[in-house]
Every structure is written in structure tokens, then in C-alpha cells.
Amino acid sequence: MGWLNRLDRLIAGVIAVAQWLALPLILLLFLQWPLRDLVRAYSTQANDLAQIFFALFVAVSISAATRSGTHLAADTLAQYYRPLTRAWLKRIGGVALLPWVFLVLIAGKNFVVASALGLEAFPETYNPGYFLIKCCLWIMALTMLGQSILDIFRPLPRDKI
């Protein structure tokens, strides 16, 4: 299943890049006050850019948490399940998530496409880039779709009794 490995590497790569958004996000949030109070400029631009980084970070973090087994995992009980049982539960969870992912993709179409085509700016500052925050809705749904496909089609472990 070469396509499964490619999808796995793609999602891992997106997560690997997105995790580094935390550093500039923290820096931009920290710099807002000095920029506003000392420099008296660029604090709104720092805030707007931080919002974009935060949206991208959160959009990918759901799939990252799912991949690491920390998202929606009732590990207190599940740690005692056999590996095959855990794999089947993960597979069922991937199937159960698909309707929600498609709902987000379809219901958000007009919302995301109109914003992206219009290159929507931030409403308060008119700085460019607000459309990226709305596009993060689809980024979140697509990474979750990819992770669900991986969870559904990943080979089951051999169960040892």
C-alpha cells in the first residue's frame, strides 16, 4: 500500500511544519505590548499574523493529537485492551468521523471559497490574510480526513493470545 505510506508521510510532514508555528506565535503575542506601548506601531499587524499562525496550528493539532493517541483516548481503560481491539476501535473511530469531515467540507464551501476568492482582510484592521483563517477550516477537515483514511486502512496488528 504505497499510497497509504505517502499519505502518512504527507500528514506527518504537514504536522512537522505546523508544530513550529508555536514559536513565532508566542513571539508575536509577546511583542504586541512592546510594539503598541514602546514602538507605537505594528501591534495590530503582529496580532493579525498571530491569529493566522494560531488558526493553522490548531487546524493541524487535532490530527497531530489523534496520531499520537492522545486525542479522545480513554486510555485508563484502553491501555488494557489487546492491540487488535485497540486497532479496531481506532478503525471504527475513523469511519465514525467521516460524516462530520464531509459535513464540514460541504457546509463550509461557500464560507471558505467566498473568503478565499475575495482575499478577505481582517475586519477591524483591513490587513490582508483573514481568508487564511477561514481556509484553516478546510485544512483541519482535510488533515482529519487523511488521518481517518490512515486509521481505516492501516493493516491490523497480529493479535497474540
N, C-alpha and C. Protein backbone atom coordinates (compact mmCIF):
# COMPACT_ATOMS: atom_id res chain seq x y z
N MET A 1 0.83 -1.19 0.00
CA MET A 1 0.00 0.00 0.00
C MET A 1 0.88 1.25 0.00
N GLY A 2 1.44 1.53 -1.16
CA GLY A 2 2.31 2.69 -1.29
C GLY A 2 1.59 4.01 -1.07
N TRP A 3 0.32 4.07 -1.50
CA TRP A 3 -0.44 5.33 -1.35
C TRP A 3 -0.69 5.62 0.13
N LEU A 4 -0.84 4.58 0.92
CA LEU A 4 -1.07 4.76 2.36
C LEU A 4 0.19 5.33 3.02
N ASN A 5 1.35 4.83 2.62
CA ASN A 5 2.60 5.36 3.16
C ASN A 5 2.83 6.80 2.72
N ARG A 6 2.48 7.12 1.48
CA ARG A 6 2.63 8.51 1.01
C ARG A 6 1.70 9.45 1.76
N LEU A 7 0.47 9.01 2.00
CA LEU A 7 -0.47 9.82 2.77
C LEU A 7 0.03 10.00 4.20
N ASP A 8 0.55 8.95 4.77
CA ASP A 8 1.09 9.01 6.13
C ASP A 8 2.25 10.02 6.19
N ARG A 9 3.15 9.96 5.22
CA ARG A 9 4.28 10.90 5.19
C ARG A 9 3.81 12.33 4.95
N LEU A 10 2.77 12.51 4.12
CA LEU A 10 2.25 13.85 3.85
C LEU A 10 1.68 14.47 5.13
N ILE A 11 0.85 13.73 5.83
CA ILE A 11 0.26 14.25 7.06
C ILE A 11 1.34 14.48 8.11
N ALA A 12 2.29 13.56 8.21
CA ALA A 12 3.40 13.75 9.16
C ALA A 12 4.20 15.00 8.81
N GLY A 13 4.40 15.26 7.53
CA GLY A 13 5.13 16.45 7.10
C GLY A 13 4.37 17.74 7.42
N VAL A 14 3.06 17.73 7.18
CA VAL A 14 2.25 18.91 7.50
C VAL A 14 2.31 19.20 9.00
N ILE A 15 2.21 18.15 9.81
CA ILE A 15 2.26 18.32 11.26
C ILE A 15 3.65 18.79 11.69
N ALA A 16 4.70 18.24 11.07
CA ALA A 16 6.06 18.64 11.42
C ALA A 16 6.30 20.12 11.14
N VAL A 17 5.76 20.61 10.05
CA VAL A 17 5.90 22.04 9.74
C VAL A 17 5.03 22.88 10.68
N ALA A 18 3.79 22.46 10.88
CA ALA A 18 2.85 23.25 11.68
C ALA A 18 3.27 23.36 13.14
N GLN A 19 3.95 22.35 13.67
CA GLN A 19 4.34 22.42 15.07
C GLN A 19 5.28 23.58 15.34
N TRP A 20 6.03 23.99 14.33
CA TRP A 20 6.96 25.11 14.51
C TRP A 20 6.26 26.46 14.50
N LEU A 21 4.99 26.49 14.17
CA LEU A 21 4.25 27.75 14.22
C LEU A 21 4.06 28.24 15.64
N ALA A 22 4.22 27.37 16.61
CA ALA A 22 4.07 27.78 18.01
C ALA A 22 5.10 28.82 18.40
N LEU A 23 6.31 28.71 17.89
CA LEU A 23 7.36 29.66 18.27
C LEU A 23 7.09 31.07 17.76
N PRO A 24 6.83 31.27 16.46
CA PRO A 24 6.51 32.64 16.05
C PRO A 24 5.20 33.14 16.64
N LEU A 25 4.27 32.25 16.90
CA LEU A 25 3.01 32.65 17.54
C LEU A 25 3.29 33.23 18.93
N ILE A 26 4.08 32.55 19.71
CA ILE A 26 4.43 33.03 21.04
C ILE A 26 5.17 34.36 20.95
N LEU A 27 6.11 34.44 20.02
CA LEU A 27 6.87 35.68 19.85
C LEU A 27 5.97 36.84 19.47
N LEU A 28 5.07 36.62 18.52
CA LEU A 28 4.16 37.70 18.09
C LEU A 28 3.24 38.13 19.22
N LEU A 29 2.74 37.18 19.98
CA LEU A 29 1.88 37.55 21.11
C LEU A 29 2.66 38.32 22.17
N PHE A 30 3.90 37.93 22.39
CA PHE A 30 4.74 38.64 23.36
C PHE A 30 5.05 40.06 22.88
N LEU A 31 5.30 40.22 21.58
CA LEU A 31 5.70 41.53 21.04
C LEU A 31 4.55 42.53 20.92
N GLN A 32 3.32 42.10 21.04
CA GLN A 32 2.21 43.04 20.86
C GLN A 32 2.28 44.22 21.81
N TRP A 33 2.54 43.98 23.08
CA TRP A 33 2.56 45.09 24.06
C TRP A 33 3.74 46.03 23.82
N PRO A 34 4.96 45.51 23.66
CA PRO A 34 6.06 46.46 23.37
C PRO A 34 5.84 47.23 22.07
N LEU A 35 5.31 46.57 21.07
CA LEU A 35 5.04 47.28 19.81
C LEU A 35 4.01 48.38 20.00
N ARG A 36 2.98 48.08 20.77
CA ARG A 36 1.93 49.07 21.00
C ARG A 36 2.41 50.20 21.92
N ASP A 37 3.08 49.85 23.02
CA ASP A 37 3.43 50.85 24.04
C ASP A 37 4.75 51.57 23.78
N LEU A 38 5.73 50.87 23.24
CA LEU A 38 7.04 51.49 23.04
C LEU A 38 7.25 51.99 21.60
N VAL A 39 6.98 51.12 20.65
CA VAL A 39 7.18 51.49 19.24
C VAL A 39 6.01 52.30 18.71
N ARG A 40 4.85 52.05 19.27
CA ARG A 40 3.60 52.71 18.86
C ARG A 40 3.24 52.43 17.40
N ALA A 41 3.56 51.22 16.97
CA ALA A 41 3.24 50.79 15.61
C ALA A 41 3.33 49.28 15.52
N TYR A 42 2.68 48.72 14.55
CA TYR A 42 2.76 47.30 14.16
C TYR A 42 2.15 46.32 15.15
N SER A 43 1.53 46.76 16.22
CA SER A 43 0.93 45.80 17.15
C SER A 43 -0.27 45.10 16.53
N THR A 44 -1.06 45.81 15.73
CA THR A 44 -2.21 45.16 15.10
C THR A 44 -1.76 44.16 14.03
N GLN A 45 -0.69 44.48 13.33
CA GLN A 45 -0.16 43.54 12.34
C GLN A 45 0.36 42.29 13.03
N ALA A 46 1.02 42.47 14.17
CA ALA A 46 1.51 41.31 14.93
C ALA A 46 0.34 40.46 15.40
N ASN A 47 -0.72 41.10 15.86
CA ASN A 47 -1.90 40.38 16.32
C ASN A 47 -2.56 39.61 15.16
N ASP A 48 -2.70 40.25 14.03
CA ASP A 48 -3.33 39.58 12.88
C ASP A 48 -2.51 38.39 12.41
N LEU A 49 -1.20 38.54 12.34
CA LEU A 49 -0.34 37.44 11.93
C LEU A 49 -0.39 36.31 12.96
N ALA A 50 -0.44 36.67 14.24
CA ALA A 50 -0.55 35.65 15.29
C ALA A 50 -1.85 34.88 15.16
N GLN A 51 -2.94 35.55 14.78
CA GLN A 51 -4.21 34.86 14.59
C GLN A 51 -4.12 33.84 13.46
N ILE A 52 -3.42 34.19 12.39
CA ILE A 52 -3.25 33.26 11.27
C ILE A 52 -2.43 32.05 11.72
N PHE A 53 -1.33 32.29 12.41
CA PHE A 53 -0.49 31.19 12.90
C PHE A 53 -1.27 30.29 13.87
N PHE A 54 -2.05 30.91 14.73
CA PHE A 54 -2.84 30.15 15.69
C PHE A 54 -3.87 29.27 14.97
N ALA A 55 -4.54 29.82 13.98
CA ALA A 55 -5.55 29.05 13.24
C ALA A 55 -4.91 27.86 12.53
N LEU A 56 -3.75 28.07 11.91
CA LEU A 56 -3.05 26.98 11.24
C LEU A 56 -2.60 25.93 12.25
N PHE A 57 -2.07 26.38 13.36
CA PHE A 57 -1.59 25.47 14.41
C PHE A 57 -2.72 24.61 14.94
N VAL A 58 -3.86 25.22 15.24
CA VAL A 58 -5.00 24.48 15.80
C VAL A 58 -5.60 23.55 14.74
N ALA A 59 -5.65 23.99 13.50
CA ALA A 59 -6.23 23.16 12.43
C ALA A 59 -5.49 21.84 12.30
N VAL A 60 -4.20 21.86 12.48
CA VAL A 60 -3.39 20.65 12.32
C VAL A 60 -3.26 19.88 13.64
N SER A 61 -3.43 20.57 14.76
CA SER A 61 -3.18 19.93 16.05
C SER A 61 -4.17 18.82 16.37
N ILE A 62 -5.36 18.88 15.82
CA ILE A 62 -6.33 17.81 16.08
C ILE A 62 -5.83 16.50 15.50
N SER A 63 -5.35 16.56 14.26
CA SER A 63 -4.81 15.35 13.64
C SER A 63 -3.53 14.91 14.33
N ALA A 64 -2.73 15.86 14.78
CA ALA A 64 -1.49 15.51 15.50
C ALA A 64 -1.81 14.78 16.79
N ALA A 65 -2.82 15.25 17.50
CA ALA A 65 -3.21 14.58 18.75
C ALA A 65 -3.76 13.19 18.47
N THR A 66 -4.53 13.05 17.40
CA THR A 66 -5.07 11.75 17.04
C THR A 66 -3.94 10.78 16.68
N ARG A 67 -2.95 11.26 15.91
CA ARG A 67 -1.83 10.41 15.52
C ARG A 67 -1.03 9.94 16.73
N SER A 68 -0.89 10.81 17.71
CA SER A 68 -0.09 10.45 18.88
C SER A 68 -0.88 9.65 19.90
N GLY A 69 -2.18 9.47 19.65
CA GLY A 69 -3.00 8.67 20.54
C GLY A 69 -3.46 9.41 21.78
N THR A 70 -3.41 10.72 21.76
CA THR A 70 -3.82 11.49 22.93
C THR A 70 -5.15 12.20 22.74
N HIS A 71 -5.72 12.14 21.57
CA HIS A 71 -6.98 12.83 21.31
C HIS A 71 -8.14 11.86 21.48
N LEU A 72 -9.05 12.20 22.34
CA LEU A 72 -10.25 11.40 22.59
C LEU A 72 -9.92 9.95 22.96
N ALA A 73 -8.83 9.77 23.65
CA ALA A 73 -8.44 8.42 24.05
C ALA A 73 -8.72 8.23 25.53
N ALA A 74 -9.61 7.31 25.81
CA ALA A 74 -9.88 6.96 27.21
C ALA A 74 -8.86 5.91 27.61
N ASP A 75 -7.65 6.36 27.81
CA ASP A 75 -6.53 5.45 27.98
C ASP A 75 -6.57 4.68 29.30
N THR A 76 -7.32 5.16 30.24
CA THR A 76 -7.40 4.45 31.52
C THR A 76 -7.89 3.03 31.30
N LEU A 77 -8.88 2.87 30.45
CA LEU A 77 -9.40 1.54 30.14
C LEU A 77 -8.70 0.93 28.94
N ALA A 78 -8.46 1.75 27.91
CA ALA A 78 -7.95 1.23 26.64
C ALA A 78 -6.55 0.65 26.75
N GLN A 79 -5.77 1.07 27.71
CA GLN A 79 -4.42 0.53 27.81
C GLN A 79 -4.41 -0.96 28.15
N TYR A 80 -5.53 -1.46 28.66
CA TYR A 80 -5.62 -2.88 28.99
C TYR A 80 -6.19 -3.72 27.85
N TYR A 81 -6.66 -3.07 26.78
CA TYR A 81 -7.20 -3.81 25.63
C TYR A 81 -6.05 -4.43 24.84
N ARG A 82 -6.38 -5.49 24.15
CA ARG A 82 -5.41 -6.12 23.26
C ARG A 82 -5.12 -5.17 22.11
N PRO A 83 -3.94 -5.25 21.50
CA PRO A 83 -3.62 -4.37 20.36
C PRO A 83 -4.62 -4.47 19.21
N LEU A 84 -5.14 -5.67 18.97
CA LEU A 84 -6.12 -5.84 17.89
C LEU A 84 -7.41 -5.10 18.23
N THR A 85 -7.85 -5.16 19.47
CA THR A 85 -9.06 -4.46 19.89
C THR A 85 -8.87 -2.96 19.76
N ARG A 86 -7.72 -2.46 20.17
CA ARG A 86 -7.43 -1.03 20.05
C ARG A 86 -7.41 -0.60 18.59
N ALA A 87 -6.83 -1.43 17.74
CA ALA A 87 -6.77 -1.11 16.30
C ALA A 87 -8.18 -1.06 15.70
N TRP A 88 -9.03 -2.00 16.10
CA TRP A 88 -10.41 -1.99 15.60
C TRP A 88 -11.17 -0.76 16.10
N LEU A 89 -10.98 -0.38 17.33
CA LEU A 89 -11.63 0.82 17.86
C LEU A 89 -11.16 2.06 17.11
N LYS A 90 -9.87 2.11 16.80
CA LYS A 90 -9.35 3.24 16.02
C LYS A 90 -9.95 3.26 14.63
N ARG A 91 -10.11 2.09 14.04
CA ARG A 91 -10.71 1.98 12.70
C ARG A 91 -12.17 2.42 12.73
N ILE A 92 -12.91 1.98 13.72
CA ILE A 92 -14.32 2.37 13.86
C ILE A 92 -14.42 3.88 14.09
N GLY A 93 -13.52 4.43 14.90
CA GLY A 93 -13.50 5.88 15.12
C GLY A 93 -13.23 6.64 13.83
N GLY A 94 -12.34 6.13 13.00
CA GLY A 94 -12.06 6.76 11.71
C GLY A 94 -13.28 6.77 10.81
N VAL A 95 -14.02 5.68 10.80
CA VAL A 95 -15.25 5.61 9.99
C VAL A 95 -16.31 6.56 10.55
N ALA A 96 -16.43 6.60 11.87
CA ALA A 96 -17.43 7.46 12.51
C ALA A 96 -17.15 8.95 12.28
N LEU A 97 -15.89 9.29 12.08
CA LEU A 97 -15.51 10.69 11.87
C LEU A 97 -15.81 11.19 10.47
N LEU A 98 -15.87 10.29 9.50
CA LEU A 98 -16.03 10.68 8.10
C LEU A 98 -17.26 11.55 7.82
N PRO A 99 -18.45 11.22 8.33
CA PRO A 99 -19.60 12.09 8.04
C PRO A 99 -19.39 13.52 8.52
N TRP A 100 -18.77 13.69 9.68
CA TRP A 100 -18.53 15.02 10.20
C TRP A 100 -17.55 15.78 9.31
N VAL A 101 -16.49 15.09 8.87
CA VAL A 101 -15.50 15.73 7.99
C VAL A 101 -16.16 16.19 6.70
N PHE A 102 -16.98 15.33 6.10
CA PHE A 102 -17.64 15.72 4.85
C PHE A 102 -18.66 16.83 5.08
N LEU A 103 -19.32 16.83 6.22
CA LEU A 103 -20.24 17.91 6.56
C LEU A 103 -19.49 19.24 6.62
N VAL A 104 -18.35 19.25 7.27
CA VAL A 104 -17.55 20.48 7.37
C VAL A 104 -17.09 20.94 5.99
N LEU A 105 -16.62 20.01 5.18
CA LEU A 105 -16.15 20.37 3.84
C LEU A 105 -17.28 20.93 2.98
N ILE A 106 -18.43 20.29 3.03
CA ILE A 106 -19.55 20.72 2.18
C ILE A 106 -20.22 21.97 2.74
N ALA A 107 -20.51 21.98 4.04
CA ALA A 107 -21.20 23.14 4.63
C ALA A 107 -20.31 24.37 4.64
N GLY A 108 -19.02 24.19 4.71
CA GLY A 108 -18.11 25.34 4.72
C GLY A 108 -17.71 25.84 3.35
N LYS A 109 -18.19 25.18 2.30
CA LYS A 109 -17.75 25.53 0.94
C LYS A 109 -17.98 26.99 0.62
N ASN A 110 -19.20 27.48 0.74
CA ASN A 110 -19.49 28.88 0.39
C ASN A 110 -18.70 29.84 1.27
N PHE A 111 -18.61 29.53 2.53
CA PHE A 111 -17.92 30.33 3.53
C PHE A 111 -16.43 30.46 3.17
N VAL A 112 -15.78 29.33 2.90
CA VAL A 112 -14.35 29.31 2.64
C VAL A 112 -14.02 29.84 1.25
N VAL A 113 -14.75 29.39 0.25
CA VAL A 113 -14.46 29.79 -1.13
C VAL A 113 -14.67 31.28 -1.33
N ALA A 114 -15.75 31.82 -0.81
CA ALA A 114 -16.01 33.26 -0.96
C ALA A 114 -14.91 34.08 -0.29
N SER A 115 -14.49 33.65 0.87
CA SER A 115 -13.44 34.37 1.57
C SER A 115 -12.11 34.28 0.83
N ALA A 116 -11.77 33.10 0.32
CA ALA A 116 -10.51 32.91 -0.38
C ALA A 116 -10.49 33.65 -1.71
N LEU A 117 -11.58 33.58 -2.47
CA LEU A 117 -11.63 34.27 -3.75
C LEU A 117 -11.60 35.79 -3.58
N GLY A 118 -12.20 36.26 -2.51
CA GLY A 118 -12.21 37.70 -2.24
C GLY A 118 -10.98 38.17 -1.49
N LEU A 119 -10.08 37.25 -1.15
CA LEU A 119 -8.90 37.58 -0.35
C LEU A 119 -9.28 38.47 0.82
N GLU A 120 -10.24 37.97 1.60
CA GLU A 120 -10.83 38.72 2.69
C GLU A 120 -9.77 39.22 3.67
N ALA A 121 -9.91 40.48 4.07
CA ALA A 121 -9.00 41.11 5.02
C ALA A 121 -9.60 41.05 6.42
N PHE A 122 -8.79 41.33 7.42
CA PHE A 122 -9.26 41.37 8.79
C PHE A 122 -10.28 42.50 8.93
N PRO A 123 -11.43 42.23 9.55
CA PRO A 123 -12.49 43.24 9.60
C PRO A 123 -12.14 44.51 10.38
N GLU A 124 -11.35 44.39 11.44
CA GLU A 124 -11.04 45.57 12.25
C GLU A 124 -9.90 46.39 11.67
N THR A 125 -8.91 45.73 11.10
CA THR A 125 -7.69 46.43 10.67
C THR A 125 -7.56 46.54 9.16
N TYR A 126 -8.33 45.77 8.43
CA TYR A 126 -8.24 45.69 6.97
C TYR A 126 -6.88 45.18 6.49
N ASN A 127 -6.14 44.54 7.39
CA ASN A 127 -4.89 43.90 6.99
C ASN A 127 -5.24 42.65 6.17
N PRO A 128 -4.44 42.32 5.17
CA PRO A 128 -4.74 41.14 4.36
C PRO A 128 -4.50 39.85 5.14
N GLY A 129 -5.16 38.78 4.71
CA GLY A 129 -4.88 37.46 5.25
C GLY A 129 -5.97 36.82 6.07
N TYR A 130 -7.07 37.50 6.31
CA TYR A 130 -8.12 36.90 7.13
C TYR A 130 -8.68 35.65 6.46
N PHE A 131 -8.65 35.62 5.13
CA PHE A 131 -9.15 34.45 4.40
C PHE A 131 -8.39 33.19 4.78
N LEU A 132 -7.12 33.32 5.18
CA LEU A 132 -6.33 32.15 5.59
C LEU A 132 -6.92 31.49 6.83
N ILE A 133 -7.47 32.30 7.72
CA ILE A 133 -8.09 31.74 8.92
C ILE A 133 -9.31 30.91 8.53
N LYS A 134 -10.08 31.40 7.58
CA LYS A 134 -11.25 30.64 7.13
C LYS A 134 -10.83 29.40 6.35
N CYS A 135 -9.75 29.49 5.61
CA CYS A 135 -9.25 28.31 4.88
C CYS A 135 -8.76 27.22 5.84
N CYS A 136 -8.40 27.61 7.06
CA CYS A 136 -7.96 26.63 8.05
C CYS A 136 -9.07 25.64 8.40
N LEU A 137 -10.31 26.04 8.19
CA LEU A 137 -11.42 25.10 8.40
C LEU A 137 -11.26 23.89 7.49
N TRP A 138 -10.95 24.15 6.23
CA TRP A 138 -10.75 23.04 5.29
C TRP A 138 -9.43 22.32 5.56
N ILE A 139 -8.40 23.04 5.97
CA ILE A 139 -7.13 22.38 6.31
C ILE A 139 -7.36 21.39 7.44
N MET A 140 -8.12 21.82 8.45
CA MET A 140 -8.44 20.94 9.57
C MET A 140 -9.21 19.71 9.07
N ALA A 141 -10.25 19.94 8.27
CA ALA A 141 -11.06 18.83 7.78
C ALA A 141 -10.25 17.89 6.89
N LEU A 142 -9.38 18.42 6.05
CA LEU A 142 -8.60 17.58 5.15
C LEU A 142 -7.55 16.76 5.90
N THR A 143 -6.91 17.35 6.90
CA THR A 143 -5.95 16.55 7.68
C THR A 143 -6.67 15.48 8.49
N MET A 144 -7.87 15.81 8.98
CA MET A 144 -8.65 14.80 9.70
C MET A 144 -9.13 13.70 8.75
N LEU A 145 -9.50 14.07 7.53
CA LEU A 145 -9.90 13.08 6.53
C LEU A 145 -8.73 12.14 6.23
N GLY A 146 -7.57 12.72 6.01
CA GLY A 146 -6.38 11.91 5.74
C GLY A 146 -6.06 10.98 6.89
N GLN A 147 -6.13 11.48 8.12
CA GLN A 147 -5.86 10.64 9.27
C GLN A 147 -6.91 9.55 9.43
N SER A 148 -8.16 9.87 9.14
CA SER A 148 -9.21 8.85 9.20
C SER A 148 -8.96 7.75 8.19
N ILE A 149 -8.57 8.13 6.98
CA ILE A 149 -8.26 7.13 5.95
C ILE A 149 -7.11 6.24 6.40
N LEU A 150 -6.10 6.85 7.01
CA LEU A 150 -4.99 6.04 7.54
C LEU A 150 -5.47 5.08 8.62
N ASP A 151 -6.30 5.57 9.52
CA ASP A 151 -6.80 4.73 10.60
C ASP A 151 -7.68 3.59 10.08
N ILE A 152 -8.42 3.85 9.02
CA ILE A 152 -9.32 2.84 8.47
C ILE A 152 -8.55 1.77 7.71
N PHE A 153 -7.58 2.16 6.91
CA PHE A 153 -6.92 1.23 6.01
C PHE A 153 -5.57 0.71 6.49
N ARG A 154 -5.10 1.19 7.62
CA ARG A 154 -3.83 0.69 8.15
C ARG A 154 -4.00 -0.78 8.49
N PRO A 155 -3.01 -1.62 8.15
CA PRO A 155 -3.12 -3.05 8.46
C PRO A 155 -3.27 -3.28 9.96
N LEU A 156 -4.10 -4.23 10.30
CA LEU A 156 -4.34 -4.57 11.69
C LEU A 156 -3.15 -5.35 12.24
N PRO A 157 -2.81 -5.15 13.51
CA PRO A 157 -1.69 -5.92 14.09
C PRO A 157 -2.11 -7.37 14.30
N ARG A 158 -1.13 -8.23 14.32
CA ARG A 158 -1.41 -9.64 14.62
C ARG A 158 -1.65 -9.75 16.11
N ASP A 159 -2.75 -10.37 16.45
CA ASP A 159 -3.12 -10.49 17.86
C ASP A 159 -2.48 -11.74 18.44
N LYS A 160 -1.81 -11.56 19.57
CA LYS A 160 -1.20 -12.69 20.27
C LYS A 160 -2.03 -12.98 21.50
N ILE A 161 -2.45 -14.19 21.63
CA ILE A 161 -3.30 -14.57 22.76
C ILE A 161 -2.46 -15.05 23.92
